[in-house]
Amino acid sequence: GERLDSTFFQILLPKEEFQKIEQDRVTEKLYAIHEKEGVQYVREIDTNTGALQKPMKIAHPFPKKVKIYNGEVFYIREDAQLKIKHLYKERMD
């Protein structure tokens, strides 16, 4: 395959817990996913500077398996009382 360039950058999220970096396979943009008090946020990462863009708050608390595809965030939310899992999709603008 082709040689890939790599960039080192530091992610600073005071009072928030960094979880992972996710890449959108269609747009090839990088996103940082982090949590603060049960609420998860997604921020685009500028690959040239490592700067984090404005955060997008995921609508439902405690989402699981957050994935980004074609500019949309997909995640699973579980209703423990009904023992049902729902798949949610949110558009990132």
PDB file of N, CA and C in Angstrom:
ATOM      1  N   GLY A   1       0.808  -1.182   0.000  1.00  0.00           N
ATOM      2  CA  GLY A   1       0.000   0.000   0.000  1.00  0.00           C
ATOM      3  C   GLY A   1       0.855   1.252   0.000  1.00  0.00           C
ATOM      4  N   GLU A   2       0.204   2.376  -0.067  1.00  0.00           N
ATOM      5  CA  GLU A   2       0.887   3.667  -0.080  1.00  0.00           C
ATOM      6  C   GLU A   2       1.375   4.039   1.309  1.00  0.00           C
ATOM      7  N   ARG A   3       2.431   4.850   1.336  1.00  0.00           N
ATOM      8  CA  ARG A   3       2.962   5.355   2.593  1.00  0.00           C
ATOM      9  C   ARG A   3       1.981   6.381   3.159  1.00  0.00           C
ATOM     10  N   LEU A   4       1.713   6.273   4.450  1.00  0.00           N
ATOM     11  CA  LEU A   4       0.817   7.211   5.111  1.00  0.00           C
ATOM     12  C   LEU A   4       1.622   8.195   5.933  1.00  0.00           C
ATOM     13  N   ASP A   5       1.274   9.461   5.882  1.00  0.00           N
ATOM     14  CA  ASP A   5       1.908  10.467   6.727  1.00  0.00           C
ATOM     15  C   ASP A   5       1.282  10.412   8.105  1.00  0.00           C
ATOM     16  N   SER A   6       2.062  10.731   9.115  1.00  0.00           N
ATOM     17  CA  SER A   6       1.519  10.785  10.467  1.00  0.00           C
ATOM     18  C   SER A   6       1.851  12.129  11.086  1.00  0.00           C
ATOM     19  N   THR A   7       0.991  12.563  11.987  1.00  0.00           N
ATOM     20  CA  THR A   7       1.150  13.834  12.670  1.00  0.00           C
ATOM     21  C   THR A   7       0.975  13.608  14.156  1.00  0.00           C
ATOM     22  N   PHE A   8       1.867  14.170  14.969  1.00  0.00           N
ATOM     23  CA  PHE A   8       1.723  14.093  16.423  1.00  0.00           C
ATOM     24  C   PHE A   8       0.994  15.333  16.898  1.00  0.00           C
ATOM     25  N   PHE A   9      -0.019  15.152  17.727  1.00  0.00           N
ATOM     26  CA  PHE A   9      -0.691  16.286  18.351  1.00  0.00           C
ATOM     27  C   PHE A   9      -1.203  15.846  19.708  1.00  0.00           C
ATOM     28  N   GLN A  10      -1.390  16.807  20.572  1.00  0.00           N
ATOM     29  CA  GLN A  10      -1.817  16.551  21.929  1.00  0.00           C
ATOM     30  C   GLN A  10      -3.258  16.996  22.096  1.00  0.00           C
ATOM     31  N   ILE A  11      -4.075  16.162  22.732  1.00  0.00           N
ATOM     32  CA  ILE A  11      -5.470  16.510  22.972  1.00  0.00           C
ATOM     33  C   ILE A  11      -5.616  16.889  24.439  1.00  0.00           C
ATOM     34  N   LEU A  12      -5.980  18.135  24.682  1.00  0.00           N
ATOM     35  CA  LEU A  12      -6.174  18.624  26.044  1.00  0.00           C
ATOM     36  C   LEU A  12      -7.655  18.899  26.268  1.00  0.00           C
ATOM     37  N   LEU A  13      -8.253  18.145  27.162  1.00  0.00           N
ATOM     38  CA  LEU A  13      -9.672  18.293  27.466  1.00  0.00           C
ATOM     39  C   LEU A  13      -9.830  18.419  28.975  1.00  0.00           C
ATOM     40  N   PRO A  14      -9.712  19.630  29.521  1.00  0.00           N
ATOM     41  CA  PRO A  14      -9.835  19.787  30.970  1.00  0.00           C
ATOM     42  C   PRO A  14     -11.225  19.387  31.465  1.00  0.00           C
ATOM     43  N   LYS A  15     -11.249  18.667  32.588  1.00  0.00           N
ATOM     44  CA  LYS A  15     -12.487  18.224  33.241  1.00  0.00           C
ATOM     45  C   LYS A  15     -13.301  17.251  32.393  1.00  0.00           C
ATOM     46  N   GLU A  16     -12.721  16.723  31.337  1.00  0.00           N
ATOM     47  CA  GLU A  16     -13.421  15.789  30.475  1.00  0.00           C
ATOM     48  C   GLU A  16     -12.556  14.555  30.279  1.00  0.00           C
ATOM     49  N   GLU A  17     -13.168  13.456  30.001  1.00  0.00           N
ATOM     50  CA  GLU A  17     -12.445  12.206  29.831  1.00  0.00           C
ATOM     51  C   GLU A  17     -12.373  11.838  28.353  1.00  0.00           C
ATOM     52  N   PHE A  18     -11.162  11.823  27.813  1.00  0.00           N
ATOM     53  CA  PHE A  18     -10.955  11.417  26.431  1.00  0.00           C
ATOM     54  C   PHE A  18     -11.230   9.929  26.309  1.00  0.00           C
ATOM     55  N   GLN A  19     -11.946   9.519  25.261  1.00  0.00           N
ATOM     56  CA  GLN A  19     -12.254   8.106  25.084  1.00  0.00           C
ATOM     57  C   GLN A  19     -11.530   7.502  23.886  1.00  0.00           C
ATOM     58  N   LYS A  20     -11.669   8.122  22.721  1.00  0.00           N
ATOM     59  CA  LYS A  20     -11.017   7.564  21.543  1.00  0.00           C
ATOM     60  C   LYS A  20     -11.032   8.549  20.389  1.00  0.00           C
ATOM     61  N   ILE A  21     -10.255   8.200  19.359  1.00  0.00           N
ATOM     62  CA  ILE A  21     -10.271   8.944  18.105  1.00  0.00           C
ATOM     63  C   ILE A  21     -10.947   8.059  17.078  1.00  0.00           C
ATOM     64  N   GLU A  22     -11.867   8.623  16.342  1.00  0.00           N
ATOM     65  CA  GLU A  22     -12.632   7.895  15.330  1.00  0.00           C
ATOM     66  C   GLU A  22     -12.439   8.598  13.990  1.00  0.00           C
ATOM     67  N   GLN A  23     -12.260   7.821  12.920  1.00  0.00           N
ATOM     68  CA  GLN A  23     -12.130   8.412  11.590  1.00  0.00           C
ATOM     69  C   GLN A  23     -13.354   8.062  10.765  1.00  0.00           C
ATOM     70  N   ASP A  24     -13.899   9.078  10.104  1.00  0.00           N
ATOM     71  CA  ASP A  24     -15.006   8.888   9.179  1.00  0.00           C
ATOM     72  C   ASP A  24     -14.414   8.270   7.913  1.00  0.00           C
ATOM     73  N   ARG A  25     -14.835   7.079   7.569  1.00  0.00           N
ATOM     74  CA  ARG A  25     -14.263   6.372   6.419  1.00  0.00           C
ATOM     75  C   ARG A  25     -14.599   7.016   5.082  1.00  0.00           C
ATOM     76  N   VAL A  26     -15.672   7.787   5.026  1.00  0.00           N
ATOM     77  CA  VAL A  26     -16.070   8.428   3.772  1.00  0.00           C
ATOM     78  C   VAL A  26     -15.346   9.763   3.607  1.00  0.00           C
ATOM     79  N   THR A  27     -15.426  10.638   4.619  1.00  0.00           N
ATOM     80  CA  THR A  27     -14.821  11.970   4.514  1.00  0.00           C
ATOM     81  C   THR A  27     -13.358  11.978   4.934  1.00  0.00           C
ATOM     82  N   GLU A  28     -12.906  10.916   5.608  1.00  0.00           N
ATOM     83  CA  GLU A  28     -11.542  10.753   6.117  1.00  0.00           C
ATOM     84  C   GLU A  28     -11.161  11.788   7.180  1.00  0.00           C
ATOM     85  N   LYS A  29     -12.145  12.466   7.767  1.00  0.00           N
ATOM     86  CA  LYS A  29     -11.879  13.407   8.856  1.00  0.00           C
ATOM     87  C   LYS A  29     -11.695  12.639  10.154  1.00  0.00           C
ATOM     88  N   LEU A  30     -10.907  13.216  11.077  1.00  0.00           N
ATOM     89  CA  LEU A  30     -10.677  12.615  12.387  1.00  0.00           C
ATOM     90  C   LEU A  30     -11.516  13.328  13.442  1.00  0.00           C
ATOM     91  N   TYR A  31     -12.005  12.565  14.416  1.00  0.00           N
ATOM     92  CA  TYR A  31     -12.832  13.106  15.483  1.00  0.00           C
ATOM     93  C   TYR A  31     -12.364  12.575  16.826  1.00  0.00           C
ATOM     94  N   ALA A  32     -12.382  13.421  17.837  1.00  0.00           N
ATOM     95  CA  ALA A  32     -12.115  13.013  19.214  1.00  0.00           C
ATOM     96  C   ALA A  32     -13.463  12.818  19.890  1.00  0.00           C
ATOM     97  N   ILE A  33     -13.611  11.701  20.580  1.00  0.00           N
ATOM     98  CA  ILE A  33     -14.833  11.422  21.326  1.00  0.00           C
ATOM     99  C   ILE A  33     -14.463  11.467  22.805  1.00  0.00           C
ATOM    100  N   HIS A  34     -15.174  12.281  23.556  1.00  0.00           N
ATOM    101  CA  HIS A  34     -14.877  12.427  24.973  1.00  0.00           C
ATOM    102  C   HIS A  34     -16.162  12.542  25.772  1.00  0.00           C
ATOM    103  N   GLU A  35     -16.044  12.352  27.078  1.00  0.00           N
ATOM    104  CA  GLU A  35     -17.209  12.308  27.955  1.00  0.00           C
ATOM    105  C   GLU A  35     -17.039  13.263  29.124  1.00  0.00           C
ATOM    106  N   LYS A  36     -18.147  13.850  29.528  1.00  0.00           N
ATOM    107  CA  LYS A  36     -18.175  14.696  30.717  1.00  0.00           C
ATOM    108  C   LYS A  36     -19.495  14.423  31.429  1.00  0.00           C
ATOM    109  N   GLU A  37     -19.416  13.823  32.615  1.00  0.00           N
ATOM    110  CA  GLU A  37     -20.582  13.534  33.448  1.00  0.00           C
ATOM    111  C   GLU A  37     -21.653  12.720  32.706  1.00  0.00           C
ATOM    112  N   GLY A  38     -21.238  11.692  31.981  1.00  0.00           N
ATOM    113  CA  GLY A  38     -22.175  10.808  31.295  1.00  0.00           C
ATOM    114  C   GLY A  38     -22.610  11.277  29.919  1.00  0.00           C
ATOM    115  N   VAL A  39     -22.279  12.512  29.557  1.00  0.00           N
ATOM    116  CA  VAL A  39     -22.645  13.052  28.253  1.00  0.00           C
ATOM    117  C   VAL A  39     -21.427  12.949  27.346  1.00  0.00           C
ATOM    118  N   GLN A  40     -21.627  12.421  26.147  1.00  0.00           N
ATOM    119  CA  GLN A  40     -20.505  12.297  25.221  1.00  0.00           C
ATOM    120  C   GLN A  40     -20.551  13.404  24.180  1.00  0.00           C
ATOM    121  N   TYR A  41     -19.341  13.830  23.778  1.00  0.00           N
ATOM    122  CA  TYR A  41     -19.168  14.885  22.798  1.00  0.00           C
ATOM    123  C   TYR A  41     -18.267  14.389  21.680  1.00  0.00           C
ATOM    124  N   VAL A  42     -18.478  14.923  20.496  1.00  0.00           N
ATOM    125  CA  VAL A  42     -17.642  14.622  19.338  1.00  0.00           C
ATOM    126  C   VAL A  42     -17.081  15.938  18.836  1.00  0.00           C
ATOM    127  N   ARG A  43     -15.756  15.979  18.617  1.00  0.00           N
ATOM    128  CA  ARG A  43     -15.108  17.180  18.092  1.00  0.00           C
ATOM    129  C   ARG A  43     -14.231  16.797  16.912  1.00  0.00           C
ATOM    130  N   GLU A  44     -14.331  17.546  15.843  1.00  0.00           N
ATOM    131  CA  GLU A  44     -13.438  17.320  14.707  1.00  0.00           C
ATOM    132  C   GLU A  44     -12.035  17.778  15.092  1.00  0.00           C
ATOM    133  N   ILE A  45     -11.032  17.048  14.611  1.00  0.00           N
ATOM    134  CA  ILE A  45      -9.635  17.379  14.876  1.00  0.00           C
ATOM    135  C   ILE A  45      -9.019  17.946  13.607  1.00  0.00           C
ATOM    136  N   ASP A  46      -8.407  19.106  13.717  1.00  0.00           N
ATOM    137  CA  ASP A  46      -7.650  19.672  12.599  1.00  0.00           C
ATOM    138  C   ASP A  46      -6.344  18.892  12.511  1.00  0.00           C
ATOM    139  N   THR A  47      -6.155  18.132  11.439  1.00  0.00           N
ATOM    140  CA  THR A  47      -4.988  17.262  11.335  1.00  0.00           C
ATOM    141  C   THR A  47      -3.684  18.024  11.113  1.00  0.00           C
ATOM    142  N   ASN A  48      -3.755  19.296  10.744  1.00  0.00           N
ATOM    143  CA  ASN A  48      -2.533  20.086  10.570  1.00  0.00           C
ATOM    144  C   ASN A  48      -2.018  20.645  11.886  1.00  0.00           C
ATOM    145  N   THR A  49      -2.938  21.047  12.764  1.00  0.00           N
ATOM    146  CA  THR A  49      -2.536  21.703  14.009  1.00  0.00           C
ATOM    147  C   THR A  49      -2.870  20.891  15.258  1.00  0.00           C
ATOM    148  N   GLY A  50      -3.779  19.939  15.141  1.00  0.00           N
ATOM    149  CA  GLY A  50      -4.228  19.175  16.304  1.00  0.00           C
ATOM    150  C   GLY A  50      -5.303  19.892  17.096  1.00  0.00           C
ATOM    151  N   ALA A  51      -5.746  21.043  16.609  1.00  0.00           N
ATOM    152  CA  ALA A  51      -6.776  21.817  17.314  1.00  0.00           C
ATOM    153  C   ALA A  51      -8.121  21.106  17.251  1.00  0.00           C
ATOM    154  N   LEU A  52      -8.859  21.209  18.338  1.00  0.00           N
ATOM    155  CA  LEU A  52     -10.199  20.630  18.397  1.00  0.00           C
ATOM    156  C   LEU A  52     -11.218  21.683  18.021  1.00  0.00           C
ATOM    157  N   GLN A  53     -12.168  21.298  17.184  1.00  0.00           N
ATOM    158  CA  GLN A  53     -13.222  22.210  16.756  1.00  0.00           C
ATOM    159  C   GLN A  53     -14.337  22.248  17.797  1.00  0.00           C
ATOM    160  N   LYS A  54     -15.378  22.983  17.511  1.00  0.00           N
ATOM    161  CA  LYS A  54     -16.518  23.124  18.411  1.00  0.00           C
ATOM    162  C   LYS A  54     -17.143  21.752  18.694  1.00  0.00           C
ATOM    163  N   PRO A  55     -17.474  21.451  19.967  1.00  0.00           N
ATOM    164  CA  PRO A  55     -18.022  20.129  20.284  1.00  0.00           C
ATOM    165  C   PRO A  55     -19.472  19.959  19.856  1.00  0.00           C
ATOM    166  N   MET A  56     -19.811  18.734  19.465  1.00  0.00           N
ATOM    167  CA  MET A  56     -21.193  18.365  19.184  1.00  0.00           C
ATOM    168  C   MET A  56     -21.628  17.435  20.309  1.00  0.00           C
ATOM    169  N   LYS A  57     -22.675  17.784  20.999  1.00  0.00           N
ATOM    170  CA  LYS A  57     -23.181  16.977  22.101  1.00  0.00           C
ATOM    171  C   LYS A  57     -24.068  15.866  21.547  1.00  0.00           C
ATOM    172  N   ILE A  58     -23.793  14.633  21.960  1.00  0.00           N
ATOM    173  CA  ILE A  58     -24.648  13.515  21.562  1.00  0.00           C
ATOM    174  C   ILE A  58     -25.929  13.603  22.381  1.00  0.00           C
ATOM    175  N   ALA A  59     -27.065  13.494  21.722  1.00  0.00           N
ATOM    176  CA  ALA A  59     -28.365  13.785  22.332  1.00  0.00           C
ATOM    177  C   ALA A  59     -28.699  12.937  23.552  1.00  0.00           C
ATOM    178  N   HIS A  60     -28.380  11.663  23.535  1.00  0.00           N
ATOM    179  CA  HIS A  60     -28.757  10.781  24.633  1.00  0.00           C
ATOM    180  C   HIS A  60     -27.554  10.464  25.509  1.00  0.00           C
ATOM    181  N   PRO A  61     -27.728  10.466  26.833  1.00  0.00           N
ATOM    182  CA  PRO A  61     -26.598  10.148  27.721  1.00  0.00           C
ATOM    183  C   PRO A  61     -26.228   8.668  27.666  1.00  0.00           C
ATOM    184  N   PHE A  62     -24.986   8.381  28.010  1.00  0.00           N
ATOM    185  CA  PHE A  62     -24.435   7.033  28.082  1.00  0.00           C
ATOM    186  C   PHE A  62     -24.622   6.211  26.798  1.00  0.00           C
ATOM    187  N   PRO A  63     -24.272   6.779  25.633  1.00  0.00           N
ATOM    188  CA  PRO A  63     -24.348   5.985  24.397  1.00  0.00           C
ATOM    189  C   PRO A  63     -23.228   4.952  24.363  1.00  0.00           C
ATOM    190  N   LYS A  64     -23.449   3.879  23.620  1.00  0.00           N
ATOM    191  CA  LYS A  64     -22.443   2.829  23.486  1.00  0.00           C
ATOM    192  C   LYS A  64     -22.077   2.660  22.019  1.00  0.00           C
ATOM    193  N   LYS A  65     -20.860   2.220  21.779  1.00  0.00           N
ATOM    194  CA  LYS A  65     -20.347   1.916  20.436  1.00  0.00           C
ATOM    195  C   LYS A  65     -20.544   3.077  19.467  1.00  0.00           C
ATOM    196  N   VAL A  66     -20.029   4.235  19.800  1.00  0.00           N
ATOM    197  CA  VAL A  66     -20.151   5.430  18.964  1.00  0.00           C
ATOM    198  C   VAL A  66     -19.282   5.261  17.724  1.00  0.00           C
ATOM    199  N   LYS A  67     -19.877   5.433  16.536  1.00  0.00           N
ATOM    200  CA  LYS A  67     -19.172   5.348  15.259  1.00  0.00           C
ATOM    201  C   LYS A  67     -19.559   6.545  14.409  1.00  0.00           C
ATOM    202  N   ILE A  68     -18.644   6.969  13.550  1.00  0.00           N
ATOM    203  CA  ILE A  68     -18.908   8.096  12.659  1.00  0.00           C
ATOM    204  C   ILE A  68     -18.770   7.606  11.225  1.00  0.00           C
ATOM    205  N   TYR A  69     -19.796   7.890  10.414  1.00  0.00           N
ATOM    206  CA  TYR A  69     -19.784   7.460   9.022  1.00  0.00           C
ATOM    207  C   TYR A  69     -20.525   8.479   8.168  1.00  0.00           C
ATOM    208  N   ASN A  70     -19.858   8.979   7.151  1.00  0.00           N
ATOM    209  CA  ASN A  70     -20.449   9.902   6.180  1.00  0.00           C
ATOM    210  C   ASN A  70     -21.077  11.134   6.839  1.00  0.00           C
ATOM    211  N   GLY A  71     -20.376  11.701   7.828  1.00  0.00           N
ATOM    212  CA  GLY A  71     -20.848  12.924   8.479  1.00  0.00           C
ATOM    213  C   GLY A  71     -21.969  12.708   9.479  1.00  0.00           C
ATOM    214  N   GLU A  72     -22.216  11.466   9.871  1.00  0.00           N
ATOM    215  CA  GLU A  72     -23.256  11.167  10.842  1.00  0.00           C
ATOM    216  C   GLU A  72     -22.682  10.332  11.982  1.00  0.00           C
ATOM    217  N   VAL A  73     -23.245  10.515  13.171  1.00  0.00           N
ATOM    218  CA  VAL A  73     -22.825   9.765  14.349  1.00  0.00           C
ATOM    219  C   VAL A  73     -23.865   8.684  14.610  1.00  0.00           C
ATOM    220  N   PHE A  74     -23.399   7.451  14.726  1.00  0.00           N
ATOM    221  CA  PHE A  74     -24.261   6.313  15.036  1.00  0.00           C
ATOM    222  C   PHE A  74     -23.874   5.799  16.416  1.00  0.00           C
ATOM    223  N   TYR A  75     -24.866   5.407  17.202  1.00  0.00           N
ATOM    224  CA  TYR A  75     -24.585   4.839  18.518  1.00  0.00           C
ATOM    225  C   TYR A  75     -25.774   4.016  18.996  1.00  0.00           C
ATOM    226  N   ILE A  76     -25.503   3.198  20.001  1.00  0.00           N
ATOM    227  CA  ILE A  76     -26.533   2.335  20.579  1.00  0.00           C
ATOM    228  C   ILE A  76     -26.871   2.849  21.968  1.00  0.00           C
ATOM    229  N   ARG A  77     -28.143   2.854  22.271  1.00  0.00           N
ATOM    230  CA  ARG A  77     -28.605   3.226  23.604  1.00  0.00           C
ATOM    231  C   ARG A  77     -29.474   2.096  24.117  1.00  0.00           C
ATOM    232  N   GLU A  78     -29.203   1.674  25.331  1.00  0.00           N
ATOM    233  CA  GLU A  78     -29.888   0.523  25.894  1.00  0.00           C
ATOM    234  C   GLU A  78     -30.900   0.944  26.947  1.00  0.00           C
ATOM    235  N   ASP A  79     -32.107   0.396  26.842  1.00  0.00           N
ATOM    236  CA  ASP A  79     -33.141   0.594  27.863  1.00  0.00           C
ATOM    237  C   ASP A  79     -33.104  -0.646  28.746  1.00  0.00           C
ATOM    238  N   ALA A  80     -32.470  -0.527  29.919  1.00  0.00           N
ATOM    239  CA  ALA A  80     -32.259  -1.673  30.798  1.00  0.00           C
ATOM    240  C   ALA A  80     -33.571  -2.250  31.328  1.00  0.00           C
ATOM    241  N   GLN A  81     -34.559  -1.394  31.571  1.00  0.00           N
ATOM    242  CA  GLN A  81     -35.823  -1.886  32.119  1.00  0.00           C
ATOM    243  C   GLN A  81     -36.569  -2.754  31.106  1.00  0.00           C
ATOM    244  N   LEU A  82     -36.554  -2.333  29.841  1.00  0.00           N
ATOM    245  CA  LEU A  82     -37.259  -3.093  28.808  1.00  0.00           C
ATOM    246  C   LEU A  82     -36.365  -4.115  28.120  1.00  0.00           C
ATOM    247  N   LYS A  83     -35.067  -4.073  28.444  1.00  0.00           N
ATOM    248  CA  LYS A  83     -34.073  -4.961  27.821  1.00  0.00           C
ATOM    249  C   LYS A  83     -34.086  -4.826  26.299  1.00  0.00           C
ATOM    250  N   ILE A  84     -34.134  -3.570  25.851  1.00  0.00           N
ATOM    251  CA  ILE A  84     -34.156  -3.263  24.418  1.00  0.00           C
ATOM    252  C   ILE A  84     -32.980  -2.355  24.094  1.00  0.00           C
ATOM    253  N   LYS A  85     -32.397  -2.541  22.918  1.00  0.00           N
ATOM    254  CA  LYS A  85     -31.336  -1.656  22.436  1.00  0.00           C
ATOM    255  C   LYS A  85     -31.848  -0.917  21.214  1.00  0.00           C
ATOM    256  N   HIS A  86     -31.549   0.387  21.145  1.00  0.00           N
ATOM    257  CA  HIS A  86     -31.971   1.216  20.023  1.00  0.00           C
ATOM    258  C   HIS A  86     -30.739   1.765  19.322  1.00  0.00           C
ATOM    259  N   LEU A  87     -30.778   1.810  18.003  1.00  0.00           N
ATOM    260  CA  LEU A  87     -29.717   2.412  17.214  1.00  0.00           C
ATOM    261  C   LEU A  87     -30.151   3.835  16.864  1.00  0.00           C
ATOM    262  N   TYR A  88     -29.285   4.810  17.185  1.00  0.00           N
ATOM    263  CA  TYR A  88     -29.575   6.212  16.905  1.00  0.00           C
ATOM    264  C   TYR A  88     -28.598   6.745  15.870  1.00  0.00           C
ATOM    265  N   LYS A  89     -29.078   7.741  15.119  1.00  0.00           N
ATOM    266  CA  LYS A  89     -28.244   8.412  14.130  1.00  0.00           C
ATOM    267  C   LYS A  89     -28.458   9.917  14.275  1.00  0.00           C
ATOM    268  N   GLU A  90     -27.339  10.658  14.324  1.00  0.00           N
ATOM    269  CA  GLU A  90     -27.413  12.109  14.404  1.00  0.00           C
ATOM    270  C   GLU A  90     -26.519  12.708  13.331  1.00  0.00           C
ATOM    271  N   ARG A  91     -27.004  13.732  12.680  1.00  0.00           N
ATOM    272  CA  ARG A  91     -26.254  14.432  11.632  1.00  0.00           C
ATOM    273  C   ARG A  91     -25.331  15.458  12.266  1.00  0.00           C
ATOM    274  N   MET A  92     -24.065  15.460  11.877  1.00  0.00           N
ATOM    275  CA  MET A  92     -23.119  16.464  12.364  1.00  0.00           C
ATOM    276  C   MET A  92     -23.134  17.635  11.393  1.00  0.00           C
ATOM    277  N   ASP A  93     -23.403  18.817  11.914  1.00  0.00           N
ATOM    278  CA  ASP A  93     -23.450  20.012  11.051  1.00  0.00           C
ATOM    279  C   ASP A  93     -22.313  20.934  11.330  1.00  0.00           C
TER     280      ASP A  93
END
